[in-house]
Amino acid sequence: MKTHRYEHFLLEHSRPYVNVIKGFECSLEQSKEAMDLYQKSLLLHYDILASLTKTITPLDTAFLE
């Protein structure tokens, strides 16, 4: 995301991050419920944003990080 910061940002640019989130696994020290909530929240946000638009304005890209 930093590569495309403050330029024409396509939601598809964040696909590598989304793929990492999909593969998250919980360690023994972490709460599985909390990790599941974090993972589902990020994936839902991506899916919802992607269903609404393909791009995000350059001024809003800083909030994605």
C-alpha atoms as a PDB file:
ATOM      1  CA  MET A   1       0.000   0.000   0.000  1.00  0.00           C
ATOM      2  CA  LYS A   2       2.860   2.366   0.709  1.00  0.00           C
ATOM      3  CA  THR A   3       4.008   1.974  -2.908  1.00  0.00           C
ATOM      4  CA  HIS A   4       0.776   3.576  -4.143  1.00  0.00           C
ATOM      5  CA  ARG A   5       0.301   6.069  -1.322  1.00  0.00           C
ATOM      6  CA  TYR A   6      -1.043   9.435  -2.488  1.00  0.00           C
ATOM      7  CA  GLU A   7      -1.550   8.271  -6.057  1.00  0.00           C
ATOM      8  CA  HIS A   8      -4.331   6.536  -7.954  1.00  0.00           C
ATOM      9  CA  PHE A   9      -4.966   3.630  -5.562  1.00  0.00           C
ATOM     10  CA  LEU A  10      -6.902   0.587  -6.704  1.00  0.00           C
ATOM     11  CA  LEU A  11      -8.346  -1.681  -4.043  1.00  0.00           C
ATOM     12  CA  GLU A  12      -6.683  -4.517  -5.940  1.00  0.00           C
ATOM     13  CA  HIS A  13      -3.336  -3.045  -4.797  1.00  0.00           C
ATOM     14  CA  SER A  14      -4.161  -4.338  -1.325  1.00  0.00           C
ATOM     15  CA  ARG A  15      -4.770  -7.919  -2.549  1.00  0.00           C
ATOM     16  CA  PRO A  16      -1.373  -9.204  -1.227  1.00  0.00           C
ATOM     17  CA  TYR A  17      -2.292  -7.971   2.260  1.00  0.00           C
ATOM     18  CA  VAL A  18      -5.744  -9.576   2.015  1.00  0.00           C
ATOM     19  CA  ASN A  19      -4.108 -12.867   1.028  1.00  0.00           C
ATOM     20  CA  VAL A  20      -1.850 -12.708   4.094  1.00  0.00           C
ATOM     21  CA  ILE A  21      -4.880 -12.068   6.311  1.00  0.00           C
ATOM     22  CA  LYS A  22      -6.638 -15.112   4.853  1.00  0.00           C
ATOM     23  CA  GLY A  23      -3.714 -17.280   5.959  1.00  0.00           C
ATOM     24  CA  PHE A  24      -3.496 -15.967   9.521  1.00  0.00           C
ATOM     25  CA  GLU A  25      -3.158 -18.631  12.178  1.00  0.00           C
ATOM     26  CA  CYS A  26      -3.446 -18.167  15.885  1.00  0.00           C
ATOM     27  CA  SER A  27      -0.505 -18.986  18.168  1.00  0.00           C
ATOM     28  CA  LEU A  28      -0.971 -20.657  21.544  1.00  0.00           C
ATOM     29  CA  GLU A  29      -0.604 -17.302  23.331  1.00  0.00           C
ATOM     30  CA  GLN A  30      -3.349 -15.630  21.311  1.00  0.00           C
ATOM     31  CA  SER A  31      -7.086 -15.774  21.657  1.00  0.00           C
ATOM     32  CA  LYS A  32      -8.598 -17.657  18.711  1.00  0.00           C
ATOM     33  CA  GLU A  33     -11.821 -15.680  19.059  1.00  0.00           C
ATOM     34  CA  ALA A  34      -9.986 -12.349  18.921  1.00  0.00           C
ATOM     35  CA  MET A  35      -7.923 -13.439  15.918  1.00  0.00           C
ATOM     36  CA  ASP A  36     -11.053 -14.685  14.125  1.00  0.00           C
ATOM     37  CA  LEU A  37     -12.788 -11.369  14.772  1.00  0.00           C
ATOM     38  CA  TYR A  38      -9.784  -9.410  13.464  1.00  0.00           C
ATOM     39  CA  GLN A  39      -9.509 -11.606  10.375  1.00  0.00           C
ATOM     40  CA  LYS A  40     -13.221 -11.545   9.557  1.00  0.00           C
ATOM     41  CA  SER A  41     -13.403  -7.792  10.103  1.00  0.00           C
ATOM     42  CA  LEU A  42     -10.570  -7.076   7.669  1.00  0.00           C
ATOM     43  CA  LEU A  43     -11.913  -9.461   5.043  1.00  0.00           C
ATOM     44  CA  LEU A  44     -15.434  -8.049   5.298  1.00  0.00           C
ATOM     45  CA  HIS A  45     -14.154  -4.481   5.035  1.00  0.00           C
ATOM     46  CA  TYR A  46     -12.218  -5.385   1.895  1.00  0.00           C
ATOM     47  CA  ASP A  47     -15.170  -7.207   0.318  1.00  0.00           C
ATOM     48  CA  ILE A  48     -17.587  -4.377   1.095  1.00  0.00           C
ATOM     49  CA  LEU A  49     -15.260  -1.661  -0.179  1.00  0.00           C
ATOM     50  CA  ALA A  50     -14.467  -3.685  -3.313  1.00  0.00           C
ATOM     51  CA  SER A  51     -18.185  -4.117  -4.000  1.00  0.00           C
ATOM     52  CA  LEU A  52     -18.706  -0.341  -3.796  1.00  0.00           C
ATOM     53  CA  THR A  53     -15.711   1.021  -5.700  1.00  0.00           C
ATOM     54  CA  LYS A  54     -12.498   0.074  -7.472  1.00  0.00           C
ATOM     55  CA  THR A  55     -10.472   3.061  -6.328  1.00  0.00           C
ATOM     56  CA  ILE A  56      -9.859   5.215  -3.289  1.00  0.00           C
ATOM     57  CA  THR A  57      -8.945   8.880  -3.532  1.00  0.00           C
ATOM     58  CA  PRO A  58      -5.280   9.745  -2.931  1.00  0.00           C
ATOM     59  CA  LEU A  59      -6.147  11.713   0.210  1.00  0.00           C
ATOM     60  CA  ASP A  60      -7.860   8.679   1.782  1.00  0.00           C
ATOM     61  CA  THR A  61      -5.086   6.144   1.154  1.00  0.00           C
ATOM     62  CA  ALA A  62      -3.211   7.093   4.334  1.00  0.00           C
ATOM     63  CA  PHE A  63      -6.186   5.842   6.361  1.00  0.00           C
ATOM     64  CA  LEU A  64      -5.847   2.368   4.801  1.00  0.00           C
ATOM     65  CA  GLU A  65      -2.534   1.787   6.509  1.00  0.00           C
END
